[in-house]
Amino acid sequence: MVAKSPPDGYTLLLVSAAHVINPAMIKKLPYDSIRDFAPISVVADVPTAFAIHPTLPVKNVKEFIALAKARPGQLNYSTAGRGTVGHLSAELLSSIAQIKMVHIAYKGTGQSITDLIAGHVQLQFSSMPAVINHARAGRLRLLAQTGEKRSAAAKDVPTMLESGVKGFVVSSGFGLLAPAGTPRPVIDRVHGALLKALAEPNVRNNLSGQGADPVGNTPEAYDAFNKAEIAKWIKVARGAGIDPE
């Protein structure tokens, strides 16, 4: 709907990581993820958390990889469904660390986390806001987070890079798009309003407290981010033998 809307700045689209994953998972999208939209900015980056059930006998990513290599095909990870950030994050780890895990796909985040807490599955890659309170309460253990730097909401949790997994960065960037052809002065006006909102202390604190890091970058930087992420997830999906449907 947004791709076909008038490029006047009155119809905007807030997207999640699904926007950059869809080209890898869906054969025929009814729009082009790059050409049909004008990027405005990444609003917030929500790092993915590597969460495990507390009974799993590991304290860090290095120990987890060693355990997974010792138990190939015996560790189950839950996700909110096929083609989600959690699914492809686990496949990315499997590829880099050369381990084999079993994917248990649910129909949504809620039940997948409930079963992780119950111990029916052993691990999950999930958005930080979805699991951080469970980790604080001791129901889950966070081994790592996947951003380039540590989230303000979990400063004591190392990144995957710090944990020794080279090249492992997963960003769930929530971004703002307009229809392609939106005049630059209109883009700039919306961009300026967004930056003003993100500068509000209550907005920043609310986002950071939930594990979402406010961003507010340039349209050019957001465009480069989208292109790089689409290429990355296509490569990960193909490497894992996941064909688009």
C-alpha atoms as a PDB file:
ATOM      1  CA  MET A   1       0.000   0.000   0.000  1.00  0.00           C
ATOM      2  CA  VAL A   2       2.791   2.408   0.912  1.00  0.00           C
ATOM      3  CA  ALA A   3       4.781   1.602  -2.222  1.00  0.00           C
ATOM      4  CA  LYS A   4       1.760   2.625  -4.319  1.00  0.00           C
ATOM      5  CA  SER A   5       0.832   5.699  -2.265  1.00  0.00           C
ATOM      6  CA  PRO A   6       1.379   9.293  -3.416  1.00  0.00           C
ATOM      7  CA  PRO A   7       4.930  10.427  -2.578  1.00  0.00           C
ATOM      8  CA  ASP A   8       3.791  13.425  -0.553  1.00  0.00           C
ATOM      9  CA  GLY A   9       5.077  12.571   2.919  1.00  0.00           C
ATOM     10  CA  TYR A  10       1.659  11.794   4.367  1.00  0.00           C
ATOM     11  CA  THR A  11       1.973   8.017   4.045  1.00  0.00           C
ATOM     12  CA  LEU A  12       4.962   6.476   5.799  1.00  0.00           C
ATOM     13  CA  LEU A  13       6.019   2.954   6.705  1.00  0.00           C
ATOM     14  CA  LEU A  14       7.717   1.740   9.882  1.00  0.00           C
ATOM     15  CA  VAL A  15       9.473  -1.544   9.144  1.00  0.00           C
ATOM     16  CA  SER A  16      11.192  -4.194  11.224  1.00  0.00           C
ATOM     17  CA  ALA A  17      13.976  -6.554  10.179  1.00  0.00           C
ATOM     18  CA  ALA A  18      11.396  -8.471   8.144  1.00  0.00           C
ATOM     19  CA  HIS A  19      11.808  -5.796   5.463  1.00  0.00           C
ATOM     20  CA  VAL A  20      15.395  -6.847   4.749  1.00  0.00           C
ATOM     21  CA  ILE A  21      14.773 -10.570   5.306  1.00  0.00           C
ATOM     22  CA  ASN A  22      11.742 -10.899   3.009  1.00  0.00           C
ATOM     23  CA  PRO A  23      13.761 -10.854  -0.247  1.00  0.00           C
ATOM     24  CA  ALA A  24      15.575 -13.974   0.988  1.00  0.00           C
ATOM     25  CA  MET A  25      12.399 -15.794   2.009  1.00  0.00           C
ATOM     26  CA  ILE A  26       9.680 -14.796  -0.473  1.00  0.00           C
ATOM     27  CA  LYS A  27       9.950 -15.516  -4.195  1.00  0.00           C
ATOM     28  CA  LYS A  28       7.609 -12.868  -5.514  1.00  0.00           C
ATOM     29  CA  LEU A  29       7.199  -9.784  -3.365  1.00  0.00           C
ATOM     30  CA  PRO A  30       4.558  -7.333  -4.623  1.00  0.00           C
ATOM     31  CA  TYR A  31       7.120  -4.531  -4.344  1.00  0.00           C
ATOM     32  CA  ASP A  32      10.865  -3.974  -4.629  1.00  0.00           C
ATOM     33  CA  SER A  33      12.389  -3.526  -1.178  1.00  0.00           C
ATOM     34  CA  ILE A  34      14.842  -0.879  -2.408  1.00  0.00           C
ATOM     35  CA  ARG A  35      13.463   0.793  -5.546  1.00  0.00           C
ATOM     36  CA  ASP A  36       9.906   1.305  -4.284  1.00  0.00           C
ATOM     37  CA  PHE A  37      10.819   3.208  -1.120  1.00  0.00           C
ATOM     38  CA  ALA A  38      12.652   6.351  -0.055  1.00  0.00           C
ATOM     39  CA  PRO A  39      14.651   5.763   3.146  1.00  0.00           C
ATOM     40  CA  ILE A  40      14.327   8.296   5.950  1.00  0.00           C
ATOM     41  CA  SER A  41      16.183   6.843   8.945  1.00  0.00           C
ATOM     42  CA  VAL A  42      16.712   3.897  11.233  1.00  0.00           C
ATOM     43  CA  VAL A  43      14.587   4.778  14.249  1.00  0.00           C
ATOM     44  CA  ALA A  44      15.984   2.247  16.697  1.00  0.00           C
ATOM     45  CA  ASP A  45      18.258  -0.763  16.667  1.00  0.00           C
ATOM     46  CA  VAL A  46      16.962  -3.723  18.642  1.00  0.00           C
ATOM     47  CA  PRO A  47      19.831  -6.185  19.177  1.00  0.00           C
ATOM     48  CA  THR A  48      19.007  -9.847  19.251  1.00  0.00           C
ATOM     49  CA  ALA A  49      19.699 -11.676  22.503  1.00  0.00           C
ATOM     50  CA  PHE A  50      21.185 -15.173  22.622  1.00  0.00           C
ATOM     51  CA  ALA A  51      19.092 -16.687  25.418  1.00  0.00           C
ATOM     52  CA  ILE A  52      19.315 -20.179  26.881  1.00  0.00           C
ATOM     53  CA  HIS A  53      17.463 -22.147  29.532  1.00  0.00           C
ATOM     54  CA  PRO A  54      19.368 -21.831  32.839  1.00  0.00           C
ATOM     55  CA  THR A  55      19.800 -25.603  33.146  1.00  0.00           C
ATOM     56  CA  LEU A  56      21.988 -25.738  30.044  1.00  0.00           C
ATOM     57  CA  PRO A  57      25.502 -26.288  31.487  1.00  0.00           C
ATOM     58  CA  VAL A  58      27.247 -23.364  29.785  1.00  0.00           C
ATOM     59  CA  LYS A  59      28.147 -19.870  30.936  1.00  0.00           C
ATOM     60  CA  ASN A  60      29.325 -18.253  27.708  1.00  0.00           C
ATOM     61  CA  VAL A  61      29.237 -18.603  23.919  1.00  0.00           C
ATOM     62  CA  LYS A  62      32.545 -20.469  23.734  1.00  0.00           C
ATOM     63  CA  GLU A  63      31.228 -23.144  26.109  1.00  0.00           C
ATOM     64  CA  PHE A  64      27.959 -23.320  24.187  1.00  0.00           C
ATOM     65  CA  ILE A  65      29.720 -23.937  20.877  1.00  0.00           C
ATOM     66  CA  ALA A  66      31.802 -26.677  22.490  1.00  0.00           C
ATOM     67  CA  LEU A  67      28.637 -28.293  23.858  1.00  0.00           C
ATOM     68  CA  ALA A  68      26.878 -28.045  20.504  1.00  0.00           C
ATOM     69  CA  LYS A  69      29.821 -29.698  18.769  1.00  0.00           C
ATOM     70  CA  ALA A  70      29.735 -32.487  21.339  1.00  0.00           C
ATOM     71  CA  ARG A  71      25.978 -32.926  20.825  1.00  0.00           C
ATOM     72  CA  PRO A  72      25.338 -32.439  17.092  1.00  0.00           C
ATOM     73  CA  GLY A  73      21.628 -32.286  16.306  1.00  0.00           C
ATOM     74  CA  GLN A  74      20.639 -32.585  19.974  1.00  0.00           C
ATOM     75  CA  LEU A  75      20.109 -28.926  20.893  1.00  0.00           C
ATOM     76  CA  ASN A  76      16.771 -27.395  19.905  1.00  0.00           C
ATOM     77  CA  TYR A  77      16.225 -23.700  19.291  1.00  0.00           C
ATOM     78  CA  SER A  78      12.801 -22.087  19.162  1.00  0.00           C
ATOM     79  CA  THR A  79      11.777 -19.205  16.921  1.00  0.00           C
ATOM     80  CA  ALA A  80       8.692 -17.161  16.143  1.00  0.00           C
ATOM     81  CA  GLY A  81       8.629 -18.860  12.733  1.00  0.00           C
ATOM     82  CA  ARG A  82      10.477 -19.639   9.532  1.00  0.00           C
ATOM     83  CA  GLY A  83      12.427 -16.769   8.091  1.00  0.00           C
ATOM     84  CA  THR A  84      12.441 -14.644  11.237  1.00  0.00           C
ATOM     85  CA  VAL A  85      15.493 -12.902  12.659  1.00  0.00           C
ATOM     86  CA  GLY A  86      15.756 -15.641  15.276  1.00  0.00           C
ATOM     87  CA  HIS A  87      15.772 -18.365  12.643  1.00  0.00           C
ATOM     88  CA  LEU A  88      18.416 -16.796  10.438  1.00  0.00           C
ATOM     89  CA  SER A  89      20.516 -15.739  13.440  1.00  0.00           C
ATOM     90  CA  ALA A  90      20.746 -19.358  14.555  1.00  0.00           C
ATOM     91  CA  GLU A  91      21.613 -20.420  11.014  1.00  0.00           C
ATOM     92  CA  LEU A  92      24.302 -17.754  10.896  1.00  0.00           C
ATOM     93  CA  LEU A  93      25.839 -19.105  14.123  1.00  0.00           C
ATOM     94  CA  SER A  94      25.595 -22.672  12.818  1.00  0.00           C
ATOM     95  CA  SER A  95      27.447 -21.630   9.666  1.00  0.00           C
ATOM     96  CA  ILE A  96      30.202 -19.652  11.389  1.00  0.00           C
ATOM     97  CA  ALA A  97      30.767 -22.104  14.276  1.00  0.00           C
ATOM     98  CA  GLN A  98      30.193 -25.250  12.189  1.00  0.00           C
ATOM     99  CA  ILE A  99      27.578 -26.693  14.541  1.00  0.00           C
ATOM    100  CA  LYS A 100      24.254 -28.441  13.929  1.00  0.00           C
ATOM    101  CA  MET A 101      21.109 -27.475  15.857  1.00  0.00           C
ATOM    102  CA  VAL A 102      17.435 -28.329  15.370  1.00  0.00           C
ATOM    103  CA  HIS A 103      14.963 -25.591  14.459  1.00  0.00           C
ATOM    104  CA  ILE A 104      11.594 -25.669  16.260  1.00  0.00           C
ATOM    105  CA  ALA A 105       9.356 -23.106  14.568  1.00  0.00           C
ATOM    106  CA  TYR A 106       6.393 -21.655  16.451  1.00  0.00           C
ATOM    107  CA  LYS A 107       3.584 -19.436  15.191  1.00  0.00           C
ATOM    108  CA  GLY A 108       4.692 -16.468  17.256  1.00  0.00           C
ATOM    109  CA  THR A 109       7.156 -15.138  19.798  1.00  0.00           C
ATOM    110  CA  GLY A 110       5.023 -15.680  22.908  1.00  0.00           C
ATOM    111  CA  GLN A 111       4.737 -19.456  22.839  1.00  0.00           C
ATOM    112  CA  SER A 112       8.311 -19.899  21.645  1.00  0.00           C
ATOM    113  CA  ILE A 113       9.580 -18.036  24.715  1.00  0.00           C
ATOM    114  CA  THR A 114       7.122 -19.787  27.034  1.00  0.00           C
ATOM    115  CA  ASP A 115       8.463 -23.166  25.946  1.00  0.00           C
ATOM    116  CA  LEU A 116      12.047 -21.967  26.327  1.00  0.00           C
ATOM    117  CA  ILE A 117      11.333 -20.880  29.897  1.00  0.00           C
ATOM    118  CA  ALA A 118       9.678 -24.260  30.520  1.00  0.00           C
ATOM    119  CA  GLY A 119      12.758 -26.068  29.227  1.00  0.00           C
ATOM    120  CA  HIS A 120      11.071 -27.732  26.252  1.00  0.00           C
ATOM    121  CA  VAL A 121      13.745 -26.164  24.035  1.00  0.00           C
ATOM    122  CA  GLN A 122      17.254 -25.129  25.013  1.00  0.00           C
ATOM    123  CA  LEU A 123      17.890 -21.802  23.326  1.00  0.00           C
ATOM    124  CA  GLN A 124      16.577 -18.951  21.247  1.00  0.00           C
ATOM    125  CA  PHE A 125      17.759 -15.867  19.411  1.00  0.00           C
ATOM    126  CA  SER A 126      15.117 -13.277  20.222  1.00  0.00           C
ATOM    127  CA  SER A 127      14.762  -9.516  20.394  1.00  0.00           C
ATOM    128  CA  MET A 128      16.203  -8.034  23.558  1.00  0.00           C
ATOM    129  CA  PRO A 129      12.870  -6.498  24.711  1.00  0.00           C
ATOM    130  CA  ALA A 130      11.178  -9.914  24.505  1.00  0.00           C
ATOM    131  CA  VAL A 131      13.568 -11.703  26.860  1.00  0.00           C
ATOM    132  CA  ILE A 132      15.393  -9.161  28.998  1.00  0.00           C
ATOM    133  CA  ASN A 133      12.895  -9.153  31.871  1.00  0.00           C
ATOM    134  CA  HIS A 134      12.880 -12.961  31.945  1.00  0.00           C
ATOM    135  CA  ALA A 135      16.683 -12.860  32.179  1.00  0.00           C
ATOM    136  CA  ARG A 136      16.557 -10.308  34.991  1.00  0.00           C
ATOM    137  CA  ALA A 137      14.175 -12.614  36.859  1.00  0.00           C
ATOM    138  CA  GLY A 138      16.476 -15.616  36.383  1.00  0.00           C
ATOM    139  CA  ARG A 139      14.112 -17.529  34.136  1.00  0.00           C
ATOM    140  CA  LEU A 140      16.547 -17.315  31.227  1.00  0.00           C
ATOM    141  CA  ARG A 141      20.269 -16.739  30.853  1.00  0.00           C
ATOM    142  CA  LEU A 142      21.666 -14.343  28.265  1.00  0.00           C
ATOM    143  CA  LEU A 143      24.936 -15.570  26.804  1.00  0.00           C
ATOM    144  CA  ALA A 144      25.410 -12.704  24.368  1.00  0.00           C
ATOM    145  CA  GLN A 145      23.809  -9.974  22.316  1.00  0.00           C
ATOM    146  CA  THR A 146      24.290  -9.504  18.617  1.00  0.00           C
ATOM    147  CA  GLY A 147      24.834  -5.794  18.038  1.00  0.00           C
ATOM    148  CA  GLU A 148      28.179  -4.252  17.141  1.00  0.00           C
ATOM    149  CA  LYS A 149      28.271  -2.805  20.646  1.00  0.00           C
ATOM    150  CA  ARG A 150      26.566  -3.626  23.927  1.00  0.00           C
ATOM    151  CA  SER A 151      22.994  -2.507  24.470  1.00  0.00           C
ATOM    152  CA  ALA A 152      22.372   0.078  27.170  1.00  0.00           C
ATOM    153  CA  ALA A 153      19.714  -2.260  28.576  1.00  0.00           C
ATOM    154  CA  ALA A 154      22.179  -5.105  29.128  1.00  0.00           C
ATOM    155  CA  LYS A 155      25.629  -3.617  29.588  1.00  0.00           C
ATOM    156  CA  ASP A 156      26.863  -6.726  31.404  1.00  0.00           C
ATOM    157  CA  VAL A 157      26.077  -9.017  28.451  1.00  0.00           C
ATOM    158  CA  PRO A 158      28.914  -9.291  25.887  1.00  0.00           C
ATOM    159  CA  THR A 159      28.388  -9.101  22.157  1.00  0.00           C
ATOM    160  CA  MET A 160      28.902 -12.104  19.906  1.00  0.00           C
ATOM    161  CA  LEU A 161      31.982 -10.332  18.545  1.00  0.00           C
ATOM    162  CA  GLU A 162      33.395  -9.975  22.053  1.00  0.00           C
ATOM    163  CA  SER A 163      32.576 -13.642  22.601  1.00  0.00           C
ATOM    164  CA  GLY A 164      34.895 -14.630  19.766  1.00  0.00           C
ATOM    165  CA  VAL A 165      32.377 -15.214  16.967  1.00  0.00           C
ATOM    166  CA  LYS A 166      33.877 -13.182  14.140  1.00  0.00           C
ATOM    167  CA  GLY A 167      31.474 -11.574  11.673  1.00  0.00           C
ATOM    168  CA  PHE A 168      28.400 -12.187  13.806  1.00  0.00           C
ATOM    169  CA  VAL A 169      26.383  -8.975  13.886  1.00  0.00           C
ATOM    170  CA  VAL A 170      22.596  -9.043  13.716  1.00  0.00           C
ATOM    171  CA  SER A 171      20.639  -5.831  13.775  1.00  0.00           C
ATOM    172  CA  SER A 172      16.868  -5.609  13.972  1.00  0.00           C
ATOM    173  CA  GLY A 173      16.747  -2.070  12.731  1.00  0.00           C
ATOM    174  CA  PHE A 174      13.309  -0.481  12.879  1.00  0.00           C
ATOM    175  CA  GLY A 175      13.301   2.052  10.091  1.00  0.00           C
ATOM    176  CA  LEU A 176      11.080   4.705   8.576  1.00  0.00           C
ATOM    177  CA  LEU A 177      10.366   4.678   4.832  1.00  0.00           C
ATOM    178  CA  ALA A 178       8.370   6.808   2.418  1.00  0.00           C
ATOM    179  CA  PRO A 179       7.165   5.956  -1.102  1.00  0.00           C
ATOM    180  CA  ALA A 180       9.808   6.245  -3.809  1.00  0.00           C
ATOM    181  CA  GLY A 181       9.868   9.651  -5.428  1.00  0.00           C
ATOM    182  CA  THR A 182       9.091  11.582  -2.248  1.00  0.00           C
ATOM    183  CA  PRO A 183      10.784  14.985  -2.701  1.00  0.00           C
ATOM    184  CA  ARG A 184      13.961  15.503  -0.678  1.00  0.00           C
ATOM    185  CA  PRO A 185      12.588  18.565   1.173  1.00  0.00           C
ATOM    186  CA  VAL A 186       9.726  16.385   2.430  1.00  0.00           C
ATOM    187  CA  ILE A 187      12.143  13.621   3.458  1.00  0.00           C
ATOM    188  CA  ASP A 188      14.270  16.184   5.287  1.00  0.00           C
ATOM    189  CA  ARG A 189      11.266  17.609   7.135  1.00  0.00           C
ATOM    190  CA  VAL A 190      10.149  14.184   8.371  1.00  0.00           C
ATOM    191  CA  HIS A 191      13.746  13.285   9.195  1.00  0.00           C
ATOM    192  CA  GLY A 192      14.147  16.435  11.273  1.00  0.00           C
ATOM    193  CA  ALA A 193      10.935  15.729  13.186  1.00  0.00           C
ATOM    194  CA  LEU A 194      12.107  12.189  13.896  1.00  0.00           C
ATOM    195  CA  LEU A 195      15.473  13.368  15.227  1.00  0.00           C
ATOM    196  CA  LYS A 196      13.691  15.857  17.457  1.00  0.00           C
ATOM    197  CA  ALA A 197      11.503  13.102  18.873  1.00  0.00           C
ATOM    198  CA  LEU A 198      14.458  10.778  19.437  1.00  0.00           C
ATOM    199  CA  ALA A 199      16.242  13.559  21.329  1.00  0.00           C
ATOM    200  CA  GLU A 200      13.465  13.675  23.939  1.00  0.00           C
ATOM    201  CA  PRO A 201      14.832  12.107  27.175  1.00  0.00           C
ATOM    202  CA  ASN A 202      11.610  10.208  27.912  1.00  0.00           C
ATOM    203  CA  VAL A 203      11.602   8.701  24.414  1.00  0.00           C
ATOM    204  CA  ARG A 204      15.259   7.671  24.624  1.00  0.00           C
ATOM    205  CA  ASN A 205      14.869   6.257  28.134  1.00  0.00           C
ATOM    206  CA  ASN A 206      11.740   4.332  27.182  1.00  0.00           C
ATOM    207  CA  LEU A 207      13.425   2.762  24.157  1.00  0.00           C
ATOM    208  CA  SER A 208      16.709   2.034  25.953  1.00  0.00           C
ATOM    209  CA  GLY A 209      14.944   0.484  28.931  1.00  0.00           C
ATOM    210  CA  GLN A 210      13.379  -2.070  26.623  1.00  0.00           C
ATOM    211  CA  GLY A 211      16.631  -2.945  24.906  1.00  0.00           C
ATOM    212  CA  ALA A 212      16.081  -0.739  21.862  1.00  0.00           C
ATOM    213  CA  ASP A 213      18.880   1.709  21.099  1.00  0.00           C
ATOM    214  CA  PRO A 214      17.733   4.990  19.468  1.00  0.00           C
ATOM    215  CA  VAL A 215      19.563   5.694  16.199  1.00  0.00           C
ATOM    216  CA  GLY A 216      18.384   8.514  13.924  1.00  0.00           C
ATOM    217  CA  ASN A 217      20.896   8.238  11.067  1.00  0.00           C
ATOM    218  CA  THR A 218      20.832   9.852   7.618  1.00  0.00           C
ATOM    219  CA  PRO A 219      18.697   8.674   4.687  1.00  0.00           C
ATOM    220  CA  GLU A 220      21.906   7.730   2.860  1.00  0.00           C
ATOM    221  CA  ALA A 221      23.144   5.634   5.789  1.00  0.00           C
ATOM    222  CA  TYR A 222      19.778   3.906   6.073  1.00  0.00           C
ATOM    223  CA  ASP A 223      19.788   3.143   2.347  1.00  0.00           C
ATOM    224  CA  ALA A 224      23.242   1.559   2.633  1.00  0.00           C
ATOM    225  CA  PHE A 225      22.097  -0.422   5.677  1.00  0.00           C
ATOM    226  CA  ASN A 226      19.096  -1.851   3.822  1.00  0.00           C
ATOM    227  CA  LYS A 227      21.157  -2.907   0.820  1.00  0.00           C
ATOM    228  CA  ALA A 228      23.831  -4.559   2.961  1.00  0.00           C
ATOM    229  CA  GLU A 229      21.313  -6.382   5.147  1.00  0.00           C
ATOM    230  CA  ILE A 230      19.339  -7.729   2.185  1.00  0.00           C
ATOM    231  CA  ALA A 231      22.532  -9.103   0.624  1.00  0.00           C
ATOM    232  CA  LYS A 232      23.639 -10.617   3.949  1.00  0.00           C
ATOM    233  CA  TRP A 233      20.407 -12.481   4.641  1.00  0.00           C
ATOM    234  CA  ILE A 234      20.157 -13.803   1.086  1.00  0.00           C
ATOM    235  CA  LYS A 235      23.658 -15.248   1.546  1.00  0.00           C
ATOM    236  CA  VAL A 236      22.791 -16.761   4.964  1.00  0.00           C
ATOM    237  CA  ALA A 237      19.561 -18.311   3.679  1.00  0.00           C
ATOM    238  CA  ARG A 238      21.207 -19.813   0.625  1.00  0.00           C
ATOM    239  CA  GLY A 239      24.076 -21.152   2.695  1.00  0.00           C
ATOM    240  CA  ALA A 240      21.602 -22.848   5.029  1.00  0.00           C
ATOM    241  CA  GLY A 241      19.708 -24.377   2.125  1.00  0.00           C
ATOM    242  CA  ILE A 242      16.599 -22.288   2.820  1.00  0.00           C
ATOM    243  CA  ASP A 243      14.754 -21.653  -0.433  1.00  0.00           C
ATOM    244  CA  PRO A 244      12.319 -18.757  -0.815  1.00  0.00           C
ATOM    245  CA  GLU A 245       8.672 -19.735  -1.007  1.00  0.00           C
END
